[in-house]
Amino acid sequence: MPVRGSRVNEIDVHLAKITAHGGALVAASVLTDWGHHTAFFADPEGNIRSLFAVAAG
């Protein structure tokens, strides 16, 4: 579930909305060494999904 065009700080906003609607946090959001802001969650059926945004600069 890529969040295309999203600013990096919006990943946390989207993750909060997902967990508020039944998603379960699998891995909190982090900024990787290669410039992605990423987080993982499980949907209500248990499928692991990810969110990410490419950090500018």
N, C-alpha and C. Protein backbone atom coordinates (compact mmCIF):
# COMPACT_ATOMS: atom_id res chain seq x y z
N MET A 1 0.84 -1.17 0.00
CA MET A 1 0.00 0.00 0.00
C MET A 1 0.89 1.24 0.00
N PRO A 2 1.56 1.52 -1.09
CA PRO A 2 2.42 2.71 -1.10
C PRO A 2 1.59 3.98 -1.00
N VAL A 3 2.11 4.92 -0.26
CA VAL A 3 1.47 6.22 -0.15
C VAL A 3 2.23 7.14 -1.09
N ARG A 4 1.86 7.16 -2.32
CA ARG A 4 2.59 7.90 -3.34
C ARG A 4 2.44 9.40 -3.14
N GLY A 5 3.57 10.09 -3.28
CA GLY A 5 3.56 11.53 -3.17
C GLY A 5 3.42 12.05 -1.75
N SER A 6 3.44 11.14 -0.80
CA SER A 6 3.27 11.55 0.59
C SER A 6 4.57 12.10 1.15
N ARG A 7 4.45 13.13 1.98
CA ARG A 7 5.62 13.62 2.68
C ARG A 7 5.99 12.62 3.76
N VAL A 8 7.26 12.58 4.11
CA VAL A 8 7.76 11.59 5.06
C VAL A 8 6.99 11.61 6.37
N ASN A 9 6.71 12.78 6.94
CA ASN A 9 6.03 12.83 8.24
C ASN A 9 4.58 12.36 8.15
N GLU A 10 4.04 12.21 6.97
CA GLU A 10 2.67 11.71 6.83
C GLU A 10 2.58 10.20 7.06
N ILE A 11 3.69 9.50 7.00
CA ILE A 11 3.66 8.06 7.25
C ILE A 11 3.09 7.78 8.64
N ASP A 12 3.53 8.53 9.63
CA ASP A 12 3.01 8.35 10.99
C ASP A 12 1.53 8.67 11.08
N VAL A 13 1.08 9.67 10.34
CA VAL A 13 -0.34 10.03 10.33
C VAL A 13 -1.16 8.89 9.73
N HIS A 14 -0.72 8.36 8.59
CA HIS A 14 -1.42 7.25 7.95
C HIS A 14 -1.40 6.01 8.83
N LEU A 15 -0.28 5.73 9.47
CA LEU A 15 -0.17 4.57 10.35
C LEU A 15 -1.14 4.69 11.53
N ALA A 16 -1.28 5.87 12.09
CA ALA A 16 -2.22 6.08 13.19
C ALA A 16 -3.66 5.82 12.73
N LYS A 17 -4.00 6.26 11.54
CA LYS A 17 -5.35 6.03 11.00
C LYS A 17 -5.59 4.53 10.79
N ILE A 18 -4.59 3.86 10.27
CA ILE A 18 -4.73 2.42 10.00
C ILE A 18 -4.92 1.65 11.30
N THR A 19 -4.12 1.94 12.32
CA THR A 19 -4.26 1.22 13.59
C THR A 19 -5.58 1.58 14.28
N ALA A 20 -6.07 2.79 14.08
CA ALA A 20 -7.36 3.19 14.67
C ALA A 20 -8.52 2.44 14.03
N HIS A 21 -8.30 1.91 12.82
CA HIS A 21 -9.37 1.20 12.10
C HIS A 21 -9.12 -0.30 12.04
N GLY A 22 -8.35 -0.84 12.98
CA GLY A 22 -8.22 -2.29 13.07
C GLY A 22 -6.90 -2.86 12.62
N GLY A 23 -6.02 -2.07 12.06
CA GLY A 23 -4.69 -2.57 11.69
C GLY A 23 -3.84 -2.72 12.94
N ALA A 24 -2.90 -3.64 12.91
CA ALA A 24 -2.01 -3.87 14.05
C ALA A 24 -0.58 -3.50 13.66
N LEU A 25 0.05 -2.71 14.48
CA LEU A 25 1.42 -2.30 14.23
C LEU A 25 2.35 -3.50 14.29
N VAL A 26 3.16 -3.68 13.26
CA VAL A 26 4.15 -4.76 13.21
C VAL A 26 5.54 -4.18 13.47
N ALA A 27 5.86 -3.07 12.81
CA ALA A 27 7.14 -2.38 13.01
C ALA A 27 6.90 -0.88 12.91
N ALA A 28 7.30 -0.17 13.95
CA ALA A 28 7.11 1.28 13.98
C ALA A 28 7.88 1.94 12.85
N SER A 29 7.49 3.15 12.52
CA SER A 29 8.13 3.86 11.41
C SER A 29 9.57 4.22 11.74
N VAL A 30 10.42 4.09 10.74
CA VAL A 30 11.84 4.43 10.86
C VAL A 30 12.29 5.11 9.58
N LEU A 31 13.34 5.89 9.69
CA LEU A 31 13.99 6.48 8.52
C LEU A 31 15.21 5.62 8.24
N THR A 32 15.23 4.99 7.07
CA THR A 32 16.32 4.08 6.74
C THR A 32 17.55 4.84 6.24
N ASP A 33 18.69 4.14 6.23
CA ASP A 33 19.93 4.73 5.73
C ASP A 33 19.85 5.09 4.26
N TRP A 34 18.99 4.40 3.51
CA TRP A 34 18.89 4.66 2.06
C TRP A 34 17.80 5.67 1.73
N GLY A 35 17.20 6.32 2.74
CA GLY A 35 16.31 7.44 2.48
C GLY A 35 14.83 7.15 2.41
N HIS A 36 14.39 6.00 2.89
CA HIS A 36 12.96 5.70 2.95
C HIS A 36 12.47 5.84 4.38
N HIS A 37 11.30 6.38 4.54
CA HIS A 37 10.61 6.37 5.83
C HIS A 37 9.59 5.26 5.69
N THR A 38 9.68 4.23 6.53
CA THR A 38 8.87 3.05 6.34
C THR A 38 8.29 2.52 7.64
N ALA A 39 7.16 1.83 7.54
CA ALA A 39 6.49 1.20 8.67
C ALA A 39 5.74 -0.03 8.15
N PHE A 40 5.51 -0.98 9.04
CA PHE A 40 4.79 -2.21 8.67
C PHE A 40 3.63 -2.42 9.63
N PHE A 41 2.52 -2.91 9.08
CA PHE A 41 1.33 -3.20 9.88
C PHE A 41 0.65 -4.44 9.32
N ALA A 42 -0.22 -5.03 10.13
CA ALA A 42 -1.04 -6.16 9.68
C ALA A 42 -2.47 -5.65 9.52
N ASP A 43 -3.08 -6.01 8.40
CA ASP A 43 -4.48 -5.63 8.19
C ASP A 43 -5.36 -6.55 9.05
N PRO A 44 -6.67 -6.29 9.12
CA PRO A 44 -7.54 -7.10 9.98
C PRO A 44 -7.53 -8.60 9.67
N GLU A 45 -7.15 -8.97 8.45
CA GLU A 45 -7.07 -10.40 8.08
C GLU A 45 -5.70 -11.00 8.41
N GLY A 46 -4.77 -10.17 8.90
CA GLY A 46 -3.46 -10.66 9.28
C GLY A 46 -2.39 -10.53 8.21
N ASN A 47 -2.71 -9.95 7.06
CA ASN A 47 -1.73 -9.76 6.00
C ASN A 47 -0.78 -8.62 6.38
N ILE A 48 0.51 -8.83 6.20
CA ILE A 48 1.49 -7.81 6.51
C ILE A 48 1.57 -6.83 5.34
N ARG A 49 1.47 -5.55 5.66
CA ARG A 49 1.51 -4.47 4.67
C ARG A 49 2.56 -3.47 5.08
N SER A 50 2.97 -2.65 4.12
CA SER A 50 3.97 -1.61 4.45
C SER A 50 3.52 -0.26 3.92
N LEU A 51 4.02 0.75 4.57
CA LEU A 51 3.88 2.13 4.11
C LEU A 51 5.29 2.66 3.93
N PHE A 52 5.51 3.48 2.90
CA PHE A 52 6.82 4.11 2.80
C PHE A 52 6.71 5.39 1.99
N ALA A 53 7.67 6.24 2.22
CA ALA A 53 7.83 7.47 1.45
C ALA A 53 9.31 7.69 1.27
N VAL A 54 9.70 8.22 0.14
CA VAL A 54 11.10 8.53 -0.11
C VAL A 54 11.38 9.91 0.47
N ALA A 55 12.39 9.96 1.32
CA ALA A 55 12.77 11.24 1.94
C ALA A 55 13.39 12.16 0.89
N ALA A 56 13.03 13.41 0.94
CA ALA A 56 13.59 14.38 -0.01
C ALA A 56 15.03 14.67 0.32
N GLY A 57 15.80 14.94 -0.73
CA GLY A 57 17.15 15.44 -0.55
C GLY A 57 18.20 14.46 -0.60
